[in-house]
C-alpha cells in the first residue's frame, strides 16, 4: 500500500524518466484522462441531486438504452482528449463509428478506445461504475488515424486502465511495467498513489458470474461452477459467490482480493453462441491489466490479448482473474464443450 503524498502525475513522470526515448506525449495523454475522470467523478457523486439520472430516450450501437450519465461521460472524455495533440483517433463503446480528431487540432501518435461509463445500468441504484480505457500506437500512414489503428490486438496496447467511481474514486492502470492504483483525495483534487505494484493472488477465493444465465451456459462452464461450490478444504473450496453486475466493480474486487469473473458464451441460440462484453473497450484493457498483475484472461479457448479484432464493436466471452482459476476453467471447457 501507498506512498503517502505521491500524486499520480508525479509518479507517472517519475516512471517516464526511466526511459530516455520518452517524449512526454503519453504522460500528457494520461493527464488529460485524469482530468476527465475527475469531472466525471464529480457528476457521479452528485447524481442523485443533479439532473443526470435516467435515460436519454435513445439507444446505442448495442441496442441498449443510453443513460444521461453515459452521454455526459462520453462527451467529457471527447472534450478532454480531442485537442491535446496526443491522439490521432478515438473510438467509444457508445458511438457507432471511429471518432476523428477535429481538423483544427494537432494530431498525435496514439489511439484511445474507451467505455465511458461501464456498468451504467446500475447508475440509478448507486452501485459502483467506472470508465475503462485502452491506448495503442498509431500504425497507419498519414496524419489522421484510421479504423485499422483501432483494430489492434490487446497484446499491442501501450497502456490500459480504469477509473472506478465507488465509495472512493480510484484510478488503476498499467503501461506494461506493472499495475498501480491511485485514490482521489477530494480535499486536494489529486489522485494519490495508494496501491503500488498491484499483484493479484495466483488462486482466488471467490467467483463472479450471473447465475441467472445458467441454463444457457455450455456444459464445461456448468461443471466448473459446480466444482467451485463443492466442499474441499484442502483446495480452498467452496468459493464464495460475489457478483455486483458491474464489470469494473467485480474485476476490481477480484484483482485485489483474488477471484475469477466469468461471462461465458451465451447459448440461447445454440447455432450462434456469442459473448456479451466488448473486446476493444472492456475485455482487452482489463486483460492487459490482469496479466501485468499476474493473472490471465481468456474467451474460454484463446488468450484475450491474442485475439485479432475484426470489427469496432466485436463481442467476446470473458473469463478473467487469478491464473490458476482461469487455467482450471479452461480444463473444464476443453474436456466438455470447446468454444
Protein backbone atom coordinates (compact mmCIF):
# COMPACT_ATOMS: atom_id res chain seq x y z
CA UNK A 1 0.00 0.00 0.00
CA UNK A 2 0.56 3.61 -0.53
CA UNK A 3 3.33 6.01 -0.91
CA UNK A 4 1.70 8.83 1.06
CA UNK A 5 1.60 12.16 -0.73
CA UNK A 6 2.83 10.82 -4.10
CA UNK A 7 0.44 12.20 -6.72
CA UNK A 8 -0.41 10.29 -9.90
CA UNK A 9 1.22 12.99 -12.01
CA UNK A 10 4.46 12.94 -10.04
CA UNK A 11 4.57 9.14 -10.07
CA UNK A 12 3.87 8.90 -13.82
CA UNK A 13 6.54 11.49 -14.62
CA UNK A 14 8.98 9.63 -12.39
CA UNK A 15 8.30 6.42 -14.30
CA UNK A 16 8.68 8.24 -17.62
CA UNK A 17 12.16 9.48 -16.69
CA UNK A 18 13.40 5.89 -16.67
CA UNK A 19 13.11 5.85 -20.46
CA UNK A 20 15.45 8.15 -22.33
CA UNK A 21 13.38 7.87 -25.52
CA UNK A 22 10.17 9.06 -23.85
CA UNK A 23 8.74 12.28 -25.32
CA UNK A 24 6.18 13.05 -22.62
CA UNK A 25 3.26 12.61 -25.01
CA UNK A 26 1.88 9.52 -23.25
CA UNK A 27 2.17 11.32 -19.91
CA UNK A 28 0.28 14.28 -21.34
CA UNK A 29 -2.41 11.94 -22.65
CA UNK A 30 -2.78 10.32 -19.23
CA UNK A 31 -3.01 13.73 -17.56
CA UNK A 32 -5.90 14.64 -19.88
CA UNK A 33 -7.61 11.38 -18.99
CA UNK A 34 -7.13 12.05 -15.29
CA UNK A 35 -8.72 15.48 -15.65
CA UNK A 36 -11.72 13.98 -17.46
CA UNK A 37 -12.11 11.33 -14.75
CA UNK A 38 -12.23 13.98 -12.04
CA UNK A 39 -15.03 15.80 -13.86
CA UNK A 40 -16.98 12.56 -14.36
CA UNK A 41 -16.41 11.59 -10.72
CA UNK A 42 -17.87 14.91 -9.61
CA UNK A 43 -21.05 14.29 -11.60
CA UNK A 44 -21.36 10.66 -10.48
CA UNK A 45 -21.06 11.70 -6.85
CA UNK A 46 -23.91 14.18 -7.13
CA UNK A 47 -26.03 12.08 -9.48
CA UNK A 48 -28.89 11.76 -7.01
CA UNK A 49 -29.37 15.52 -6.77
CA UNK A 50 -28.42 16.58 -10.29
CA UNK A 51 -30.37 16.02 -13.49
CA UNK A 52 -28.13 13.20 -14.69
CA UNK A 53 -30.18 10.13 -13.68
CA UNK A 54 -32.49 8.27 -16.02
CA UNK A 55 -32.36 7.59 -19.75
CA UNK A 56 -31.99 9.89 -22.73
CA UNK A 57 -34.64 8.15 -24.84
CA UNK A 58 -32.10 6.86 -27.39
CA UNK A 59 -30.26 3.56 -27.84
CA UNK A 60 -26.58 2.91 -28.52
CA UNK A 61 -24.97 0.66 -31.13
CA UNK A 62 -25.70 -2.38 -28.92
CA UNK A 63 -29.43 -1.66 -28.66
CA UNK A 64 -29.14 -0.57 -25.03
CA UNK A 65 -30.90 2.44 -23.52
CA UNK A 66 -28.45 5.33 -23.21
CA UNK A 67 -28.29 6.75 -19.71
CA UNK A 68 -27.89 10.50 -19.26
CA UNK A 69 -24.66 9.96 -17.34
CA UNK A 70 -23.37 7.67 -20.15
CA UNK A 71 -23.81 10.50 -22.59
CA UNK A 72 -22.26 13.01 -20.19
CA UNK A 73 -19.19 10.83 -19.60
CA UNK A 74 -18.76 10.22 -23.33
CA UNK A 75 -18.89 13.96 -24.08
CA UNK A 76 -16.50 14.88 -21.27
CA UNK A 77 -13.91 12.37 -22.43
CA UNK A 78 -14.06 13.58 -26.01
CA UNK A 79 -13.78 17.23 -24.96
CA UNK A 80 -10.82 16.49 -22.68
CA UNK A 81 -8.94 14.41 -25.24
CA UNK A 82 -9.58 15.97 -28.66
CA UNK A 83 -7.24 18.98 -28.55
CA UNK A 84 -4.12 17.87 -26.66
CA UNK A 85 -2.15 16.82 -29.74
CA UNK A 86 -1.55 13.31 -28.36
CA UNK A 87 -4.20 11.39 -30.31
CA UNK A 88 -4.84 10.63 -33.97
CA UNK A 89 -8.20 8.88 -33.48
CA UNK A 90 -10.65 7.77 -30.78
CA UNK A 91 -13.42 5.18 -30.50
CA UNK A 92 -16.12 4.83 -27.88
CA UNK A 93 -18.37 1.96 -26.92
CA UNK A 94 -21.24 4.43 -27.14
CA UNK A 95 -20.64 5.51 -30.74
CA UNK A 96 -21.10 3.53 -33.95
CA UNK A 97 -18.04 4.76 -35.82
CA UNK A 98 -14.48 5.90 -35.10
CA UNK A 99 -14.16 9.43 -33.70
CA UNK A 100 -11.77 11.64 -35.70
CA UNK A 101 -9.75 14.42 -34.11
CA UNK A 102 -11.20 17.76 -35.31
CA UNK A 103 -9.20 19.33 -38.15
CA UNK A 104 -8.38 22.45 -36.13
CA UNK A 105 -6.38 20.48 -33.57
CA UNK A 106 -2.91 18.87 -33.90
CA UNK A 107 -2.69 15.10 -34.29
CA UNK A 108 -0.56 12.73 -32.26
CA UNK A 109 0.71 9.17 -32.43
CA UNK A 110 -1.70 7.48 -30.03
CA UNK A 111 -5.13 5.84 -30.32
CA UNK A 112 -7.68 5.97 -27.49
CA UNK A 113 -10.51 3.44 -27.08
CA UNK A 114 -12.89 3.84 -24.15
CA UNK A 115 -16.03 2.69 -22.42
CA UNK A 116 -17.13 5.99 -20.90
CA UNK A 117 -19.27 4.51 -18.14
CA UNK A 118 -19.17 0.76 -17.66
CA UNK A 119 -21.98 -0.66 -15.52
CA UNK A 120 -24.28 2.22 -16.36
CA UNK A 121 -27.39 0.08 -15.83
CA UNK A 122 -26.52 0.43 -12.12
CA UNK A 123 -26.35 4.22 -12.11
CA UNK A 124 -29.83 4.80 -10.75
CA UNK A 125 -29.30 2.45 -7.78
CA UNK A 126 -25.94 3.87 -6.64
CA UNK A 127 -23.76 0.85 -7.47
CA UNK A 128 -20.08 1.36 -8.34
CA UNK A 129 -19.45 2.07 -12.02
CA UNK A 130 -16.38 3.01 -13.99
CA UNK A 131 -14.54 4.26 -17.07
CA UNK A 132 -12.30 1.81 -18.97
CA UNK A 133 -9.64 2.93 -21.44
CA UNK A 134 -7.14 1.40 -23.85
CA UNK A 135 -4.24 3.13 -25.61
CA UNK A 136 -2.42 1.96 -28.77
CA UNK A 137 0.24 3.46 -31.01
CA UNK A 138 -0.80 4.63 -34.45
CA UNK A 139 0.04 2.11 -37.21
CA UNK A 140 -1.31 3.71 -40.37
CA UNK A 141 0.38 6.26 -42.60
CA UNK A 142 -0.72 9.88 -42.75
CA UNK A 143 -1.66 12.38 -40.08
CA UNK A 144 -5.17 11.15 -39.29
CA UNK A 145 -5.94 7.86 -37.63
CA UNK A 146 -7.92 5.13 -39.38
CA UNK A 147 -10.07 2.15 -38.44
CA UNK A 148 -7.05 -0.15 -38.67
CA UNK A 149 -5.41 1.82 -35.86
CA UNK A 150 -8.29 0.87 -33.59
CA UNK A 151 -8.43 -2.80 -34.64
CA UNK A 152 -5.25 -3.90 -32.90
CA UNK A 153 -4.65 -6.90 -30.66
CA UNK A 154 -4.70 -6.30 -26.93
CA UNK A 155 -1.13 -7.55 -26.81
CA UNK A 156 -0.11 -4.36 -28.64
CA UNK A 157 -1.56 -1.94 -26.10
CA UNK A 158 0.73 0.78 -24.82
CA UNK A 159 -1.38 1.41 -21.73
CA UNK A 160 -4.74 0.49 -20.27
CA UNK A 161 -6.68 1.31 -17.15
CA UNK A 162 -9.94 2.09 -15.47
CA UNK A 163 -11.40 4.59 -13.07
CA UNK A 164 -13.88 3.16 -10.58
CA UNK A 165 -16.42 5.53 -9.05
CA UNK A 166 -17.42 3.98 -5.73
CA UNK A 167 -17.07 4.81 -2.05
CA UNK A 168 -13.91 6.49 -3.29
CA UNK A 169 -12.76 7.21 -6.84
CA UNK A 170 -9.76 5.15 -7.85
CA UNK A 171 -7.57 5.06 -10.96
CA UNK A 172 -5.86 1.76 -11.82
CA UNK A 173 -3.62 1.49 -14.86
CA UNK A 174 -0.58 -0.08 -16.46
CA UNK A 175 1.90 0.92 -19.14
CA UNK A 176 3.24 -2.63 -19.35
CA UNK A 177 5.53 -2.22 -16.35
CA UNK A 178 3.25 -3.45 -13.57
CA UNK A 179 -0.03 -2.09 -12.22
CA UNK A 180 -0.50 0.87 -9.89
CA UNK A 181 -3.59 2.28 -8.20
CA UNK A 182 -4.31 5.88 -7.20
CA UNK A 183 -7.14 7.10 -4.99
CA UNK A 184 -8.70 10.53 -5.49
CA UNK A 185 -8.34 12.81 -2.48
CA UNK A 186 -11.29 15.18 -2.93
CA UNK A 187 -9.89 17.64 -0.41
CA UNK A 188 -6.99 18.50 -2.73
CA UNK A 189 -8.41 17.25 -6.04
CA UNK A 190 -5.50 14.91 -6.72
CA UNK A 191 -5.09 11.18 -7.27
CA UNK A 192 -2.66 9.85 -4.66
CA UNK A 193 -0.64 6.65 -5.10
CA UNK A 194 -2.40 4.21 -2.77
CA UNK A 195 -1.78 0.76 -4.29
CA UNK A 196 1.74 0.39 -5.62
CA UNK A 197 2.69 -2.56 -7.83
CA UNK A 198 -0.59 -4.45 -7.51
CA UNK A 199 -0.28 -8.24 -7.68
CA UNK A 200 -3.35 -10.43 -7.82
CA UNK A 201 -3.19 -13.78 -5.95
CA UNK A 202 -2.33 -16.84 -8.06
CA UNK A 203 -5.53 -18.51 -6.82
CA UNK A 204 -8.76 -16.89 -5.73
CA UNK A 205 -11.37 -17.26 -3.02
CA UNK A 206 -14.47 -16.09 -4.92
CA UNK A 207 -16.20 -16.26 -8.27
CA UNK A 208 -18.33 -13.70 -10.08
CA UNK A 209 -20.95 -14.83 -12.59
CA UNK A 210 -24.60 -14.14 -13.38
CA UNK A 211 -26.15 -17.45 -12.34
CA UNK A 212 -29.48 -16.33 -13.79
CA UNK A 213 -27.99 -17.34 -17.16
CA UNK A 214 -27.06 -20.87 -16.00
CA UNK A 215 -29.48 -22.55 -18.42
CA UNK A 216 -27.60 -21.00 -21.34
CA UNK A 217 -24.07 -21.99 -20.33
CA UNK A 218 -22.04 -24.69 -22.08
CA UNK A 219 -21.53 -27.93 -20.14
CA UNK A 220 -17.91 -27.11 -19.27
CA UNK A 221 -18.96 -23.87 -17.54
CA UNK A 222 -21.78 -25.63 -15.66
CA UNK A 223 -19.38 -28.29 -14.38
CA UNK A 224 -16.77 -25.69 -13.40
CA UNK A 225 -19.27 -23.71 -11.31
CA UNK A 226 -20.41 -26.94 -9.60
CA UNK A 227 -16.74 -27.68 -8.91
CA UNK A 228 -16.27 -24.26 -7.25
CA UNK A 229 -19.27 -24.93 -4.99
CA UNK A 230 -18.04 -28.34 -3.81
CA UNK A 231 -16.51 -28.50 -0.36
CA UNK A 232 -12.82 -29.37 -0.42
CA UNK A 233 -10.94 -27.75 2.43
CA UNK A 234 -7.55 -28.77 1.07
CA UNK A 235 -8.12 -26.84 -2.17
CA UNK A 236 -9.90 -23.89 -0.58
CA UNK A 237 -13.38 -24.72 -1.82
CA UNK A 238 -16.20 -23.87 -1.81
CA UNK A 239 -15.58 -20.43 -3.32
CA UNK A 240 -17.84 -17.56 -2.33
CA UNK A 241 -20.15 -16.06 -4.93
CA UNK A 242 -19.70 -12.29 -5.27
CA UNK A 243 -21.49 -10.70 -8.22
CA UNK A 244 -22.25 -7.00 -8.44
CA UNK A 245 -23.21 -6.90 -12.11
CA UNK A 246 -20.83 -4.01 -12.81
CA UNK A 247 -17.77 -5.37 -14.63
CA UNK A 248 -15.36 -2.75 -13.28
CA UNK A 249 -16.52 -3.29 -9.70
CA UNK A 250 -16.37 -7.10 -9.89
CA UNK A 251 -12.99 -7.03 -11.62
CA UNK A 252 -11.53 -4.51 -9.15
CA UNK A 253 -12.53 -6.56 -6.11
CA UNK A 254 -11.19 -9.79 -7.62
CA UNK A 255 -7.94 -8.12 -8.72
CA UNK A 256 -7.19 -7.02 -5.17
CA UNK A 257 -8.61 -9.95 -3.18
CA UNK A 258 -8.36 -12.87 -5.58
CA UNK A 259 -11.12 -14.28 -7.73
CA UNK A 260 -12.43 -15.14 -11.17
CA UNK A 261 -15.01 -13.24 -13.22
CA UNK A 262 -16.93 -15.16 -15.86
CA UNK A 263 -19.22 -14.01 -18.65
CA UNK A 264 -19.15 -17.13 -20.87
CA UNK A 265 -20.66 -17.56 -24.31
CA UNK A 266 -24.46 -17.30 -24.40
CA UNK A 267 -26.09 -20.41 -25.89
CA UNK A 268 -29.65 -19.07 -26.05
CA UNK A 269 -29.27 -19.70 -29.76
CA UNK A 270 -27.26 -22.98 -29.96
CA UNK A 271 -26.27 -22.19 -33.55
CA UNK A 272 -24.86 -18.79 -32.67
CA UNK A 273 -23.14 -18.81 -29.28
CA UNK A 274 -21.84 -15.35 -28.51
CA UNK A 275 -20.26 -13.25 -25.83
CA UNK A 276 -21.66 -10.05 -24.38
CA UNK A 277 -18.63 -7.97 -23.42
CA UNK A 278 -16.79 -5.74 -25.89
CA UNK A 279 -13.32 -6.84 -26.91
CA UNK A 280 -11.81 -3.40 -27.53
CA UNK A 281 -13.45 -1.39 -24.75
CA UNK A 282 -13.70 -3.90 -21.89
CA UNK A 283 -12.02 -7.29 -22.39
CA UNK A 284 -8.66 -6.22 -23.89
CA UNK A 285 -7.82 -3.39 -21.47
CA UNK A 286 -8.79 -5.43 -18.40
CA UNK A 287 -6.87 -8.42 -19.78
CA UNK A 288 -3.74 -6.25 -20.12
CA UNK A 289 -4.13 -5.07 -16.53
CA UNK A 290 -4.74 -8.51 -15.05
CA UNK A 291 -1.79 -10.04 -16.93
CA UNK A 292 0.50 -7.29 -15.66
CA UNK A 293 -0.73 -8.12 -12.14
CA UNK A 294 -0.03 -11.85 -12.56
CA UNK A 295 -3.44 -13.05 -13.74
CA UNK A 296 -4.84 -14.08 -17.11
CA UNK A 297 -7.88 -13.58 -19.34
CA UNK A 298 -9.43 -15.89 -21.93
CA UNK A 299 -12.56 -16.35 -24.03
CA UNK A 300 -12.50 -19.97 -22.85
CA UNK A 301 -10.07 -21.03 -25.54
CA UNK A 302 -7.90 -18.09 -26.62
CA UNK A 303 -5.95 -15.56 -24.61
CA UNK A 304 -7.92 -12.31 -24.91
CA UNK A 305 -4.75 -10.36 -25.68
CA UNK A 306 -4.06 -12.50 -28.77
CA UNK A 307 -7.47 -12.07 -30.43
CA UNK A 308 -7.33 -10.03 -33.64
CA UNK A 309 -10.35 -7.67 -33.67
CA UNK A 310 -12.41 -7.84 -36.85
CA UNK A 311 -14.79 -5.00 -36.07
CA UNK A 312 -15.10 -1.99 -33.80
CA UNK A 313 -17.82 -3.38 -31.55
CA UNK A 314 -16.83 -7.05 -31.52
CA UNK A 315 -18.11 -9.04 -28.53
CA UNK A 316 -16.38 -11.93 -26.79
CA UNK A 317 -16.87 -14.27 -23.84
CA UNK A 318 -14.65 -13.17 -20.94
CA UNK A 319 -13.15 -15.29 -18.19
CA UNK A 320 -10.64 -13.22 -16.24
CA UNK A 321 -8.85 -13.34 -12.91
CA UNK A 322 -6.35 -15.40 -10.94
CA UNK A 323 -4.16 -17.53 -13.19
CA UNK A 324 -4.78 -20.92 -11.58
CA UNK A 325 -8.55 -20.38 -11.57
CA UNK A 326 -8.72 -19.37 -15.24
CA UNK A 327 -6.49 -22.28 -16.31
CA UNK A 328 -8.70 -24.68 -14.34
CA UNK A 329 -11.76 -23.27 -16.10
CA UNK A 330 -10.10 -23.89 -19.47
CA UNK A 331 -9.57 -27.53 -18.49
CA UNK A 332 -13.29 -27.97 -17.86
CA UNK A 333 -14.27 -26.28 -21.13
CA UNK A 334 -11.67 -28.18 -23.20
CA UNK A 335 -12.86 -31.53 -21.84
CA UNK A 336 -16.57 -30.91 -22.35
CA UNK A 337 -17.51 -28.32 -24.91
CA UNK A 338 -14.80 -26.29 -26.61
CA UNK A 339 -15.97 -22.80 -27.56
